[in-house]
Amino acid sequence: MHLAEVRRSPQPSIPRCLPILRQFPSTSSDPDGLAGFAFQQISAFGAPSIFKTLSDNGVLPENVFSVKLSSTSGQSELYIGGTNTELYDEDTLTYTPVTEQGYWQVNLEAVSRDGSTVTDDAASIIDTGTTLIVTSNSAAEAYYQDIPGSSSFTSGSSTYYTIPCDTIGSYTPTLTFGGRDFDVSEESFDLGMESSGSSNCVGGIAGLSIAGEYFTS
C-alpha cells in the first residue's frame, strides 16, 4: 500500500463512503450501494472485489488503485489502474506493506500529538467508508486524557470526545506510516460543535468496544 500527502488545494477532508453508479460513466444515475475493494477473505459472498477481478484479467495498466477524498462536491476521485500524479506530491509517496489480507490492514507505527507519542506499533485499517478515526476505548481515552477541557459522551457502542472549539486545533494527531509522519489537519480532526451554539467541538478520534488496539480510518 502506498500513502502520500495530498496537495493542499483543495483541502482534503475526512473519509466519506464512495458510491458506485449503476451505469458508468454516467453521473445522472442514483447511488446503488458500495463498491467493496477489500480482500476476498472477508467477502460475505466469498467473491473477489471489482479491483481483484480487473487485476486478474490483466486489463489494468498497473495493478493499483488510488483514492482522493474531498469535502468539495465533485473533487473526490477513485482511480483504478494507477495514480493521478497531479493530486499528490510524488516525493511524499510512502510504501507500507499489508500485514493481513482481509481489510487493508497495515502497521501504524505511531500516533502522536504535539510531538509526544500517544501509542505506537498498532494494527490499523485504511477504510474509505469510515468517517473518523475509530479505535479501542482505552486508546481513545489515552489520546484525550490530558487535554484541558476535554470530555466524553457515549452514543450506542461508541464513545466520542469533545475539546473546546477555540483550542481543538492544537491537539490534532500525527499518524506515522512507513517511517513518514502524516499530519491530520484541523479541518479534518474538528467534526464540528457538539450541539448548536456549544463551545465544545467533537474530536475526530472515537472509542469503540472492539478487540485489540485497532485504528480504523
N, C-alpha and C. Protein backbone atom coordinates (compact mmCIF):
# COMPACT_ATOMS: atom_id res chain seq x y z
N MET A 1 0.84 -1.18 0.00
CA MET A 1 0.00 0.00 0.00
C MET A 1 0.87 1.23 0.00
N HIS A 2 0.48 2.24 -0.81
CA HIS A 2 1.20 3.50 -0.87
C HIS A 2 0.36 4.62 -0.27
N LEU A 3 0.98 5.47 0.51
CA LEU A 3 0.34 6.64 1.09
C LEU A 3 1.12 7.86 0.65
N ALA A 4 0.42 8.96 0.43
CA ALA A 4 1.10 10.20 0.03
C ALA A 4 0.34 11.38 0.60
N GLU A 5 1.02 12.51 0.71
CA GLU A 5 0.38 13.73 1.16
C GLU A 5 -0.34 14.39 0.00
N VAL A 6 -1.65 14.57 0.17
CA VAL A 6 -2.44 15.20 -0.88
C VAL A 6 -2.09 16.68 -0.95
N ARG A 7 -2.03 17.23 -2.14
CA ARG A 7 -1.75 18.65 -2.28
C ARG A 7 -2.83 19.45 -1.57
N ARG A 8 -2.45 20.57 -1.00
CA ARG A 8 -3.30 21.27 -0.05
C ARG A 8 -4.49 21.98 -0.67
N SER A 9 -4.54 22.11 -1.96
CA SER A 9 -5.67 22.78 -2.58
C SER A 9 -6.23 21.91 -3.69
N PRO A 10 -7.55 21.51 -3.60
CA PRO A 10 -8.45 21.82 -2.50
C PRO A 10 -8.16 20.95 -1.28
N GLN A 11 -8.56 21.43 -0.11
CA GLN A 11 -8.28 20.77 1.15
C GLN A 11 -9.02 19.43 1.24
N PRO A 12 -8.29 18.30 1.45
CA PRO A 12 -8.96 17.03 1.65
C PRO A 12 -9.67 17.02 2.99
N SER A 13 -10.71 16.19 3.09
CA SER A 13 -11.46 16.13 4.32
C SER A 13 -11.46 14.71 4.84
N ILE A 14 -12.23 14.47 5.89
CA ILE A 14 -12.32 13.14 6.46
C ILE A 14 -12.95 12.20 5.45
N PRO A 15 -12.61 10.90 5.51
CA PRO A 15 -13.10 9.97 4.52
C PRO A 15 -14.61 9.91 4.46
N ARG A 16 -15.14 9.74 3.26
CA ARG A 16 -16.57 9.53 3.04
C ARG A 16 -16.73 8.26 2.21
N CYS A 17 -17.88 7.59 2.34
CA CYS A 17 -18.09 6.38 1.56
C CYS A 17 -18.21 6.73 0.08
N LEU A 18 -17.78 5.80 -0.76
CA LEU A 18 -17.75 6.04 -2.19
C LEU A 18 -18.89 5.30 -2.87
N PRO A 19 -19.86 6.00 -3.45
CA PRO A 19 -20.97 5.32 -4.13
C PRO A 19 -20.54 4.77 -5.48
N ILE A 20 -21.11 3.63 -5.85
CA ILE A 20 -20.90 3.08 -7.18
C ILE A 20 -22.17 3.33 -7.98
N LEU A 21 -22.05 3.80 -9.18
CA LEU A 21 -23.20 4.11 -10.01
C LEU A 21 -23.62 2.89 -10.82
N ARG A 22 -24.92 2.82 -11.12
CA ARG A 22 -25.42 1.69 -11.89
C ARG A 22 -24.79 1.64 -13.28
N GLN A 23 -24.59 2.78 -13.88
CA GLN A 23 -24.04 2.83 -15.22
C GLN A 23 -22.85 3.78 -15.26
N PHE A 24 -21.67 3.23 -15.45
CA PHE A 24 -20.51 4.07 -15.63
C PHE A 24 -20.42 4.44 -17.11
N PRO A 25 -20.00 5.67 -17.49
CA PRO A 25 -19.55 6.72 -16.59
C PRO A 25 -20.62 7.75 -16.30
N SER A 26 -21.90 7.40 -16.48
CA SER A 26 -22.98 8.36 -16.29
C SER A 26 -22.97 8.93 -14.88
N THR A 27 -23.15 10.24 -14.75
CA THR A 27 -23.23 10.88 -13.44
C THR A 27 -24.68 11.18 -13.07
N SER A 28 -25.63 10.72 -13.90
CA SER A 28 -27.04 11.01 -13.64
C SER A 28 -27.73 9.89 -12.89
N SER A 29 -27.06 8.74 -12.74
CA SER A 29 -27.67 7.60 -12.05
C SER A 29 -27.64 7.81 -10.55
N ASP A 30 -28.60 7.20 -9.85
CA ASP A 30 -28.63 7.26 -8.40
C ASP A 30 -27.61 6.29 -7.81
N PRO A 31 -27.05 6.60 -6.63
CA PRO A 31 -26.15 5.66 -5.98
C PRO A 31 -26.84 4.32 -5.73
N ASP A 32 -26.08 3.23 -5.85
CA ASP A 32 -26.67 1.90 -5.74
C ASP A 32 -25.81 1.01 -4.85
N GLY A 33 -25.37 1.56 -3.72
CA GLY A 33 -24.59 0.76 -2.79
C GLY A 33 -23.13 1.15 -2.77
N LEU A 34 -22.27 0.24 -2.32
CA LEU A 34 -20.84 0.50 -2.18
C LEU A 34 -20.04 -0.44 -3.06
N ALA A 35 -18.94 0.05 -3.56
CA ALA A 35 -18.01 -0.79 -4.31
C ALA A 35 -16.93 -1.26 -3.35
N GLY A 36 -17.01 -2.51 -2.91
CA GLY A 36 -16.04 -3.03 -1.95
C GLY A 36 -14.71 -3.34 -2.60
N PHE A 37 -13.60 -2.87 -2.01
CA PHE A 37 -12.27 -3.12 -2.53
C PHE A 37 -11.42 -3.91 -1.55
N ALA A 38 -12.04 -4.46 -0.52
CA ALA A 38 -11.29 -5.27 0.44
C ALA A 38 -10.99 -6.64 -0.16
N PHE A 39 -10.26 -7.46 0.58
CA PHE A 39 -9.85 -8.75 0.07
C PHE A 39 -10.99 -9.77 0.13
N GLN A 40 -10.87 -10.80 -0.70
CA GLN A 40 -11.90 -11.82 -0.83
C GLN A 40 -12.17 -12.54 0.49
N GLN A 41 -11.16 -12.60 1.35
CA GLN A 41 -11.29 -13.35 2.61
C GLN A 41 -12.44 -12.86 3.48
N ILE A 42 -12.84 -11.59 3.36
CA ILE A 42 -13.92 -11.10 4.22
C ILE A 42 -15.21 -10.84 3.44
N SER A 43 -15.25 -11.27 2.19
CA SER A 43 -16.47 -11.09 1.39
C SER A 43 -17.58 -12.00 1.90
N ALA A 44 -18.77 -11.44 2.11
CA ALA A 44 -19.91 -12.23 2.56
C ALA A 44 -20.29 -13.28 1.51
N PHE A 45 -19.92 -13.02 0.26
CA PHE A 45 -20.24 -13.95 -0.82
C PHE A 45 -19.04 -14.80 -1.23
N GLY A 46 -17.91 -14.60 -0.57
CA GLY A 46 -16.71 -15.33 -0.95
C GLY A 46 -16.21 -14.97 -2.33
N ALA A 47 -16.53 -13.77 -2.77
CA ALA A 47 -16.22 -13.35 -4.14
C ALA A 47 -15.09 -12.33 -4.14
N PRO A 48 -14.30 -12.29 -5.22
CA PRO A 48 -13.25 -11.28 -5.33
C PRO A 48 -13.86 -9.90 -5.56
N SER A 49 -13.11 -8.87 -5.23
CA SER A 49 -13.58 -7.50 -5.42
C SER A 49 -13.52 -7.13 -6.91
N ILE A 50 -14.13 -5.99 -7.24
CA ILE A 50 -14.05 -5.48 -8.60
C ILE A 50 -12.58 -5.31 -9.00
N PHE A 51 -11.80 -4.72 -8.12
CA PHE A 51 -10.40 -4.48 -8.42
C PHE A 51 -9.64 -5.78 -8.65
N LYS A 52 -9.86 -6.78 -7.81
CA LYS A 52 -9.17 -8.07 -7.96
C LYS A 52 -9.55 -8.73 -9.28
N THR A 53 -10.82 -8.65 -9.67
CA THR A 53 -11.26 -9.23 -10.93
C THR A 53 -10.59 -8.56 -12.12
N LEU A 54 -10.56 -7.23 -12.10
CA LEU A 54 -9.90 -6.49 -13.18
C LEU A 54 -8.41 -6.81 -13.22
N SER A 55 -7.80 -6.89 -12.06
CA SER A 55 -6.37 -7.19 -11.97
C SER A 55 -6.06 -8.58 -12.50
N ASP A 56 -6.85 -9.58 -12.08
CA ASP A 56 -6.62 -10.96 -12.51
C ASP A 56 -6.80 -11.13 -14.01
N ASN A 57 -7.64 -10.29 -14.62
CA ASN A 57 -7.89 -10.39 -16.05
C ASN A 57 -6.89 -9.60 -16.89
N GLY A 58 -5.93 -8.95 -16.22
CA GLY A 58 -4.86 -8.28 -16.93
C GLY A 58 -5.28 -7.09 -17.77
N VAL A 59 -6.34 -6.39 -17.36
CA VAL A 59 -6.84 -5.28 -18.16
C VAL A 59 -6.40 -3.91 -17.63
N LEU A 60 -5.65 -3.91 -16.53
CA LEU A 60 -5.23 -2.64 -15.94
C LEU A 60 -3.80 -2.29 -16.33
N PRO A 61 -3.51 -1.02 -16.58
CA PRO A 61 -2.13 -0.61 -16.85
C PRO A 61 -1.20 -0.96 -15.69
N GLU A 62 -1.69 -0.77 -14.47
CA GLU A 62 -0.97 -1.16 -13.26
C GLU A 62 -1.98 -1.79 -12.31
N ASN A 63 -1.55 -2.77 -11.55
CA ASN A 63 -2.44 -3.39 -10.57
C ASN A 63 -2.48 -2.54 -9.31
N VAL A 64 -3.01 -1.35 -9.47
CA VAL A 64 -3.03 -0.33 -8.42
C VAL A 64 -4.36 0.41 -8.51
N PHE A 65 -4.89 0.80 -7.35
CA PHE A 65 -5.98 1.78 -7.35
C PHE A 65 -5.65 2.85 -6.31
N SER A 66 -6.16 4.03 -6.53
CA SER A 66 -5.87 5.14 -5.62
C SER A 66 -7.14 5.94 -5.39
N VAL A 67 -7.17 6.61 -4.24
CA VAL A 67 -8.36 7.35 -3.83
C VAL A 67 -7.95 8.73 -3.35
N LYS A 68 -8.66 9.73 -3.82
CA LYS A 68 -8.52 11.09 -3.30
C LYS A 68 -9.89 11.51 -2.76
N LEU A 69 -9.93 11.96 -1.52
CA LEU A 69 -11.17 12.29 -0.85
C LEU A 69 -11.23 13.78 -0.56
N SER A 70 -12.38 14.38 -0.80
CA SER A 70 -12.55 15.81 -0.57
C SER A 70 -13.96 16.09 -0.10
N SER A 71 -14.11 17.15 0.69
CA SER A 71 -15.44 17.58 1.12
C SER A 71 -16.10 18.45 0.06
N THR A 72 -15.35 18.81 -0.98
CA THR A 72 -15.88 19.62 -2.07
C THR A 72 -16.55 18.73 -3.10
N SER A 73 -17.80 19.01 -3.41
CA SER A 73 -18.56 18.19 -4.35
C SER A 73 -17.84 18.08 -5.68
N GLY A 74 -17.70 16.86 -6.18
CA GLY A 74 -17.08 16.63 -7.47
C GLY A 74 -15.57 16.55 -7.46
N GLN A 75 -14.94 16.71 -6.28
CA GLN A 75 -13.48 16.74 -6.21
C GLN A 75 -12.87 15.42 -5.73
N SER A 76 -13.69 14.49 -5.25
CA SER A 76 -13.16 13.18 -4.86
C SER A 76 -12.92 12.34 -6.11
N GLU A 77 -12.01 11.38 -5.99
CA GLU A 77 -11.66 10.59 -7.16
C GLU A 77 -11.24 9.18 -6.78
N LEU A 78 -11.76 8.21 -7.52
CA LEU A 78 -11.30 6.82 -7.47
C LEU A 78 -10.62 6.54 -8.80
N TYR A 79 -9.34 6.19 -8.74
CA TYR A 79 -8.53 5.97 -9.94
C TYR A 79 -8.12 4.51 -9.95
N ILE A 80 -8.62 3.75 -10.91
CA ILE A 80 -8.32 2.32 -11.00
C ILE A 80 -7.30 2.10 -12.11
N GLY A 81 -6.19 1.46 -11.76
CA GLY A 81 -5.16 1.18 -12.75
C GLY A 81 -3.95 2.08 -12.67
N GLY A 82 -3.86 2.88 -11.61
CA GLY A 82 -2.72 3.77 -11.46
C GLY A 82 -2.99 4.85 -10.45
N THR A 83 -2.26 5.94 -10.55
CA THR A 83 -2.44 7.09 -9.67
C THR A 83 -2.48 8.35 -10.50
N ASN A 84 -3.19 9.33 -10.02
CA ASN A 84 -3.24 10.65 -10.67
C ASN A 84 -2.16 11.51 -10.03
N THR A 85 -1.02 11.64 -10.70
CA THR A 85 0.12 12.33 -10.11
C THR A 85 -0.11 13.83 -9.94
N GLU A 86 -1.20 14.35 -10.51
CA GLU A 86 -1.50 15.77 -10.33
C GLU A 86 -2.10 16.05 -8.96
N LEU A 87 -2.47 15.00 -8.24
CA LEU A 87 -3.18 15.18 -6.98
C LEU A 87 -2.32 15.00 -5.73
N TYR A 88 -1.04 14.65 -5.90
CA TYR A 88 -0.20 14.48 -4.72
C TYR A 88 1.24 14.83 -5.07
N ASP A 89 2.02 15.04 -4.05
CA ASP A 89 3.44 15.32 -4.21
C ASP A 89 4.20 14.00 -4.25
N GLU A 90 4.83 13.71 -5.38
CA GLU A 90 5.43 12.39 -5.58
C GLU A 90 6.52 12.07 -4.56
N ASP A 91 7.21 13.09 -4.07
CA ASP A 91 8.29 12.80 -3.12
C ASP A 91 7.77 12.42 -1.74
N THR A 92 6.44 12.48 -1.55
CA THR A 92 5.86 12.05 -0.27
C THR A 92 5.28 10.63 -0.36
N LEU A 93 5.35 10.00 -1.53
CA LEU A 93 4.79 8.66 -1.69
C LEU A 93 5.51 7.69 -0.77
N THR A 94 4.76 7.00 0.06
CA THR A 94 5.33 6.15 1.10
C THR A 94 4.73 4.75 1.00
N TYR A 95 5.56 3.75 1.07
CA TYR A 95 5.10 2.37 0.98
C TYR A 95 5.03 1.75 2.37
N THR A 96 3.91 1.06 2.62
CA THR A 96 3.79 0.28 3.85
C THR A 96 3.07 -1.01 3.50
N PRO A 97 3.60 -2.17 3.87
CA PRO A 97 3.01 -3.44 3.43
C PRO A 97 1.70 -3.77 4.15
N VAL A 98 0.84 -4.49 3.45
CA VAL A 98 -0.37 -5.04 4.07
C VAL A 98 0.06 -6.16 5.01
N THR A 99 -0.36 -6.10 6.26
CA THR A 99 0.07 -7.07 7.25
C THR A 99 -0.87 -8.26 7.37
N GLU A 100 -2.11 -8.08 6.95
CA GLU A 100 -3.07 -9.18 6.98
C GLU A 100 -4.13 -8.92 5.92
N GLN A 101 -4.33 -9.89 5.03
CA GLN A 101 -5.30 -9.71 3.96
C GLN A 101 -6.70 -9.98 4.47
N GLY A 102 -7.53 -9.02 4.33
CA GLY A 102 -8.91 -9.03 4.77
C GLY A 102 -9.39 -7.63 4.45
N TYR A 103 -9.27 -6.74 5.46
CA TYR A 103 -9.31 -5.31 5.20
C TYR A 103 -7.92 -4.89 4.71
N TRP A 104 -7.77 -3.61 4.36
CA TRP A 104 -6.43 -3.10 4.02
C TRP A 104 -5.74 -2.75 5.33
N GLN A 105 -5.19 -3.78 5.96
CA GLN A 105 -4.58 -3.64 7.29
C GLN A 105 -3.08 -3.42 7.17
N VAL A 106 -2.61 -2.37 7.80
CA VAL A 106 -1.18 -2.03 7.79
C VAL A 106 -0.75 -1.68 9.21
N ASN A 107 0.56 -1.59 9.40
CA ASN A 107 1.07 -1.22 10.71
C ASN A 107 1.09 0.30 10.87
N LEU A 108 0.47 0.76 11.93
CA LEU A 108 0.52 2.18 12.29
C LEU A 108 1.65 2.33 13.30
N GLU A 109 2.74 2.93 12.85
CA GLU A 109 3.95 2.95 13.68
C GLU A 109 3.80 3.83 14.91
N ALA A 110 3.03 4.90 14.79
CA ALA A 110 2.84 5.77 15.96
C ALA A 110 1.66 6.70 15.74
N VAL A 111 1.03 7.05 16.85
CA VAL A 111 0.07 8.16 16.90
C VAL A 111 0.63 9.15 17.89
N SER A 112 0.88 10.36 17.43
CA SER A 112 1.48 11.36 18.31
C SER A 112 0.66 12.64 18.30
N ARG A 113 0.90 13.46 19.30
CA ARG A 113 0.21 14.74 19.43
C ARG A 113 1.19 15.75 19.98
N ASP A 114 1.42 16.80 19.23
CA ASP A 114 2.33 17.86 19.64
C ASP A 114 3.72 17.30 19.96
N GLY A 115 4.15 16.34 19.13
CA GLY A 115 5.49 15.78 19.28
C GLY A 115 5.63 14.66 20.28
N SER A 116 4.57 14.37 21.04
CA SER A 116 4.63 13.30 22.03
C SER A 116 3.85 12.08 21.55
N THR A 117 4.45 10.91 21.64
CA THR A 117 3.81 9.68 21.19
C THR A 117 2.74 9.25 22.18
N VAL A 118 1.54 9.01 21.66
CA VAL A 118 0.43 8.54 22.49
C VAL A 118 0.36 7.03 22.48
N THR A 119 0.56 6.43 21.32
CA THR A 119 0.60 4.98 21.20
C THR A 119 1.47 4.64 20.00
N ASP A 120 1.98 3.42 19.97
CA ASP A 120 2.82 3.03 18.84
C ASP A 120 2.61 1.57 18.48
N ASP A 121 3.07 1.23 17.28
CA ASP A 121 3.07 -0.14 16.79
C ASP A 121 1.69 -0.79 16.92
N ALA A 122 0.70 -0.19 16.26
CA ALA A 122 -0.67 -0.68 16.34
C ALA A 122 -1.15 -1.15 14.97
N ALA A 123 -1.99 -2.16 14.96
CA ALA A 123 -2.63 -2.57 13.71
C ALA A 123 -3.63 -1.49 13.31
N SER A 124 -3.72 -1.22 12.01
CA SER A 124 -4.66 -0.21 11.55
C SER A 124 -5.27 -0.64 10.23
N ILE A 125 -6.46 -0.15 9.98
CA ILE A 125 -7.19 -0.47 8.75
C ILE A 125 -7.48 0.82 8.01
N ILE A 126 -7.04 0.89 6.75
CA ILE A 126 -7.34 2.03 5.90
C ILE A 126 -8.68 1.78 5.24
N ASP A 127 -9.68 2.56 5.60
CA ASP A 127 -11.05 2.32 5.16
C ASP A 127 -11.69 3.62 4.72
N THR A 128 -11.97 3.76 3.42
CA THR A 128 -12.56 4.99 2.92
C THR A 128 -14.02 5.17 3.32
N GLY A 129 -14.62 4.15 3.91
CA GLY A 129 -16.01 4.26 4.32
C GLY A 129 -16.19 4.61 5.78
N THR A 130 -15.10 4.91 6.48
CA THR A 130 -15.17 5.29 7.89
C THR A 130 -14.95 6.79 8.02
N THR A 131 -15.88 7.48 8.67
CA THR A 131 -15.85 8.94 8.66
C THR A 131 -14.96 9.58 9.71
N LEU A 132 -14.38 8.77 10.59
CA LEU A 132 -13.46 9.31 11.58
C LEU A 132 -12.51 8.20 12.01
N ILE A 133 -11.55 8.51 12.83
CA ILE A 133 -10.61 7.51 13.31
C ILE A 133 -11.25 6.78 14.49
N VAL A 134 -11.43 5.47 14.36
CA VAL A 134 -12.07 4.67 15.40
C VAL A 134 -11.03 3.73 15.99
N THR A 135 -10.95 3.68 17.30
CA THR A 135 -10.01 2.79 17.96
C THR A 135 -10.68 2.21 19.21
N SER A 136 -9.91 1.50 20.01
CA SER A 136 -10.46 0.95 21.24
C SER A 136 -10.75 2.07 22.24
N ASN A 137 -11.61 1.79 23.18
CA ASN A 137 -11.92 2.79 24.20
C ASN A 137 -10.69 3.22 24.98
N SER A 138 -9.81 2.25 25.29
CA SER A 138 -8.62 2.59 26.08
C SER A 138 -7.66 3.48 25.30
N ALA A 139 -7.51 3.22 23.99
CA ALA A 139 -6.61 4.03 23.18
C ALA A 139 -7.16 5.44 22.99
N ALA A 140 -8.47 5.55 22.80
CA ALA A 140 -9.08 6.87 22.64
C ALA A 140 -8.96 7.67 23.94
N GLU A 141 -9.20 7.02 25.06
CA GLU A 141 -9.09 7.70 26.35
C GLU A 141 -7.67 8.20 26.57
N ALA A 142 -6.67 7.39 26.18
CA ALA A 142 -5.28 7.79 26.34
C ALA A 142 -4.96 9.03 25.51
N TYR A 143 -5.59 9.14 24.34
CA TYR A 143 -5.31 10.29 23.48
C TYR A 143 -5.83 11.59 24.10
N TYR A 144 -7.00 11.55 24.70
CA TYR A 144 -7.65 12.77 25.18
C TYR A 144 -7.40 13.09 26.65
N GLN A 145 -6.84 12.16 27.41
CA GLN A 145 -6.89 12.25 28.87
C GLN A 145 -6.23 13.51 29.45
N ASP A 146 -5.21 14.06 28.81
CA ASP A 146 -4.55 15.23 29.39
C ASP A 146 -4.81 16.51 28.60
N ILE A 147 -5.85 16.50 27.78
CA ILE A 147 -6.22 17.71 27.03
C ILE A 147 -7.14 18.57 27.90
N PRO A 148 -6.75 19.79 28.21
CA PRO A 148 -7.58 20.65 29.07
C PRO A 148 -8.97 20.87 28.48
N GLY A 149 -9.98 20.67 29.33
CA GLY A 149 -11.36 20.91 28.93
C GLY A 149 -12.00 19.81 28.13
N SER A 150 -11.29 18.69 27.91
CA SER A 150 -11.87 17.60 27.13
C SER A 150 -12.89 16.84 27.97
N SER A 151 -13.88 16.29 27.31
CA SER A 151 -14.89 15.47 27.98
C SER A 151 -15.38 14.42 26.99
N SER A 152 -16.16 13.47 27.48
CA SER A 152 -16.61 12.39 26.62
C SER A 152 -18.12 12.18 26.76
N PHE A 153 -18.69 11.58 25.73
CA PHE A 153 -20.10 11.17 25.79
C PHE A 153 -20.24 9.91 24.96
N THR A 154 -21.21 9.10 25.31
CA THR A 154 -21.41 7.81 24.64
C THR A 154 -22.69 7.83 23.82
N SER A 155 -22.59 7.29 22.63
CA SER A 155 -23.76 7.11 21.76
C SER A 155 -23.71 5.70 21.21
N GLY A 156 -24.65 4.86 21.63
CA GLY A 156 -24.61 3.46 21.24
C GLY A 156 -23.38 2.80 21.82
N SER A 157 -22.60 2.13 20.97
CA SER A 157 -21.38 1.45 21.44
C SER A 157 -20.14 2.31 21.26
N SER A 158 -20.31 3.56 20.83
CA SER A 158 -19.17 4.43 20.57
C SER A 158 -19.04 5.51 21.64
N THR A 159 -17.81 5.88 21.95
CA THR A 159 -17.53 6.97 22.87
C THR A 159 -16.83 8.08 22.12
N TYR A 160 -17.42 9.28 22.16
CA TYR A 160 -16.88 10.43 21.46
C TYR A 160 -16.31 11.41 22.48
N TYR A 161 -15.39 12.24 22.01
CA TYR A 161 -14.72 13.18 22.90
C TYR A 161 -14.86 14.59 22.34
N THR A 162 -14.98 15.55 23.25
CA THR A 162 -15.05 16.95 22.84
C THR A 162 -13.86 17.72 23.43
N ILE A 163 -13.49 18.77 22.71
CA ILE A 163 -12.42 19.68 23.11
C ILE A 163 -12.95 21.08 22.89
N PRO A 164 -12.61 22.05 23.74
CA PRO A 164 -13.05 23.42 23.47
C PRO A 164 -12.72 23.84 22.04
N CYS A 165 -13.70 24.41 21.36
CA CYS A 165 -13.55 24.74 19.94
C CYS A 165 -12.38 25.68 19.68
N ASP A 166 -12.08 26.55 20.64
CA ASP A 166 -11.03 27.53 20.40
C ASP A 166 -9.62 26.96 20.57
N THR A 167 -9.53 25.69 21.04
CA THR A 167 -8.20 25.09 21.20
C THR A 167 -8.05 23.76 20.46
N ILE A 168 -9.09 23.26 19.83
CA ILE A 168 -9.04 21.92 19.24
C ILE A 168 -7.94 21.80 18.19
N GLY A 169 -7.63 22.90 17.52
CA GLY A 169 -6.59 22.85 16.50
C GLY A 169 -5.20 22.59 17.05
N SER A 170 -5.03 22.73 18.36
CA SER A 170 -3.73 22.48 18.98
C SER A 170 -3.53 21.01 19.33
N TYR A 171 -4.55 20.18 19.12
CA TYR A 171 -4.47 18.78 19.57
C TYR A 171 -4.73 17.79 18.44
N THR A 172 -4.41 18.18 17.21
CA THR A 172 -4.59 17.28 16.08
C THR A 172 -3.52 16.18 16.10
N PRO A 173 -3.87 14.98 15.64
CA PRO A 173 -2.90 13.88 15.68
C PRO A 173 -1.98 13.85 14.47
N THR A 174 -0.86 13.20 14.64
CA THR A 174 0.05 12.86 13.56
C THR A 174 0.15 11.34 13.51
N LEU A 175 -0.07 10.77 12.34
CA LEU A 175 -0.01 9.32 12.14
C LEU A 175 1.26 8.98 11.37
N THR A 176 1.96 7.96 11.83
CA THR A 176 3.22 7.59 11.20
C THR A 176 3.07 6.23 10.51
N PHE A 177 3.24 6.25 9.19
CA PHE A 177 3.22 5.04 8.37
C PHE A 177 4.51 4.98 7.55
N GLY A 178 5.14 3.81 7.50
CA GLY A 178 6.30 3.64 6.65
C GLY A 178 7.42 4.61 6.92
N GLY A 179 7.56 5.04 8.16
CA GLY A 179 8.63 5.96 8.54
C GLY A 179 8.34 7.42 8.23
N ARG A 180 7.16 7.74 7.74
CA ARG A 180 6.82 9.12 7.42
C ARG A 180 5.63 9.58 8.27
N ASP A 181 5.70 10.82 8.74
CA ASP A 181 4.62 11.40 9.52
C ASP A 181 3.58 12.03 8.60
N PHE A 182 2.31 11.76 8.89
CA PHE A 182 1.20 12.37 8.18
C PHE A 182 0.36 13.16 9.18
N ASP A 183 0.36 14.47 9.05
CA ASP A 183 -0.40 15.32 9.96
C ASP A 183 -1.87 15.36 9.55
N VAL A 184 -2.75 15.17 10.53
CA VAL A 184 -4.18 15.32 10.29
C VAL A 184 -4.52 16.79 10.48
N SER A 185 -5.15 17.39 9.49
CA SER A 185 -5.45 18.82 9.55
C SER A 185 -6.53 19.11 10.58
N GLU A 186 -6.57 20.36 11.03
CA GLU A 186 -7.64 20.77 11.95
C GLU A 186 -9.00 20.61 11.29
N GLU A 187 -9.08 20.93 10.00
CA GLU A 187 -10.36 20.81 9.29
C GLU A 187 -10.89 19.38 9.30
N SER A 188 -9.98 18.41 9.27
CA SER A 188 -10.38 17.00 9.29
C SER A 188 -10.65 16.50 10.70
N PHE A 189 -9.86 16.97 11.66
CA PHE A 189 -10.00 16.47 13.04
C PHE A 189 -11.20 17.07 13.74
N ASP A 190 -11.52 18.32 13.45
CA ASP A 190 -12.63 19.01 14.09
C ASP A 190 -13.93 18.65 13.37
N LEU A 191 -14.76 17.84 14.02
CA LEU A 191 -16.02 17.39 13.42
C LEU A 191 -17.17 18.36 13.65
N GLY A 192 -16.90 19.49 14.28
CA GLY A 192 -17.94 20.49 14.49
C GLY A 192 -18.43 20.53 15.92
N MET A 193 -19.30 21.50 16.18
CA MET A 193 -19.80 21.71 17.54
C MET A 193 -20.58 20.50 18.05
N GLU A 194 -20.45 20.26 19.36
CA GLU A 194 -21.18 19.16 19.99
C GLU A 194 -22.67 19.32 19.79
N SER A 195 -23.15 20.53 19.88
CA SER A 195 -24.55 20.87 19.64
C SER A 195 -24.59 22.33 19.21
N SER A 196 -25.69 22.75 18.69
CA SER A 196 -25.81 24.11 18.20
C SER A 196 -25.50 25.12 19.30
N GLY A 197 -24.56 26.03 19.03
CA GLY A 197 -24.19 27.06 19.99
C GLY A 197 -23.20 26.62 21.05
N SER A 198 -22.77 25.34 21.00
CA SER A 198 -21.85 24.83 22.01
C SER A 198 -20.45 25.41 21.79
N SER A 199 -19.71 25.55 22.88
CA SER A 199 -18.32 25.99 22.78
C SER A 199 -17.37 24.82 22.70
N ASN A 200 -17.92 23.60 22.70
CA ASN A 200 -17.11 22.38 22.58
C ASN A 200 -17.30 21.75 21.21
N CYS A 201 -16.20 21.24 20.64
CA CYS A 201 -16.25 20.60 19.33
C CYS A 201 -15.82 19.13 19.46
N VAL A 202 -16.37 18.30 18.60
CA VAL A 202 -16.12 16.86 18.64
C VAL A 202 -14.82 16.54 17.92
N GLY A 203 -13.96 15.78 18.60
CA GLY A 203 -12.69 15.37 18.01
C GLY A 203 -12.85 14.19 17.08
N GLY A 204 -11.93 14.05 16.14
CA GLY A 204 -12.03 13.04 15.10
C GLY A 204 -11.52 11.66 15.46
N ILE A 205 -11.23 11.42 16.74
CA ILE A 205 -10.87 10.08 17.21
C ILE A 205 -11.94 9.63 18.20
N ALA A 206 -12.54 8.47 17.95
CA ALA A 206 -13.61 7.95 18.81
C ALA A 206 -13.23 6.57 19.31
N GLY A 207 -13.80 6.19 20.45
CA GLY A 207 -13.57 4.87 21.02
C GLY A 207 -14.73 3.94 20.74
N LEU A 208 -14.42 2.67 20.60
CA LEU A 208 -15.43 1.66 20.34
C LEU A 208 -15.04 0.39 21.08
N SER A 209 -16.03 -0.35 21.53
CA SER A 209 -15.76 -1.61 22.22
C SER A 209 -15.35 -2.66 21.19
N ILE A 210 -14.04 -2.76 20.93
CA ILE A 210 -13.50 -3.70 19.95
C ILE A 210 -12.35 -4.47 20.59
N ALA A 211 -12.05 -5.61 19.99
CA ALA A 211 -10.95 -6.44 20.49
C ALA A 211 -9.64 -5.94 19.90
N GLY A 212 -8.68 -5.64 20.75
CA GLY A 212 -7.37 -5.21 20.26
C GLY A 212 -7.27 -3.70 20.08
N GLU A 213 -6.08 -3.24 19.81
CA GLU A 213 -5.82 -1.81 19.68
C GLU A 213 -5.83 -1.40 18.20
N TYR A 214 -6.92 -1.68 17.52
CA TYR A 214 -7.02 -1.34 16.12
C TYR A 214 -7.34 0.14 15.94
N PHE A 215 -6.79 0.70 14.89
CA PHE A 215 -7.15 2.05 14.46
C PHE A 215 -7.74 1.93 13.07
N THR A 216 -8.93 2.47 12.87
CA THR A 216 -9.59 2.40 11.57
C THR A 216 -9.92 3.79 11.09
N SER A 217 -9.55 4.11 9.89
CA SER A 217 -9.92 5.39 9.29
C SER A 217 -9.79 5.29 7.78
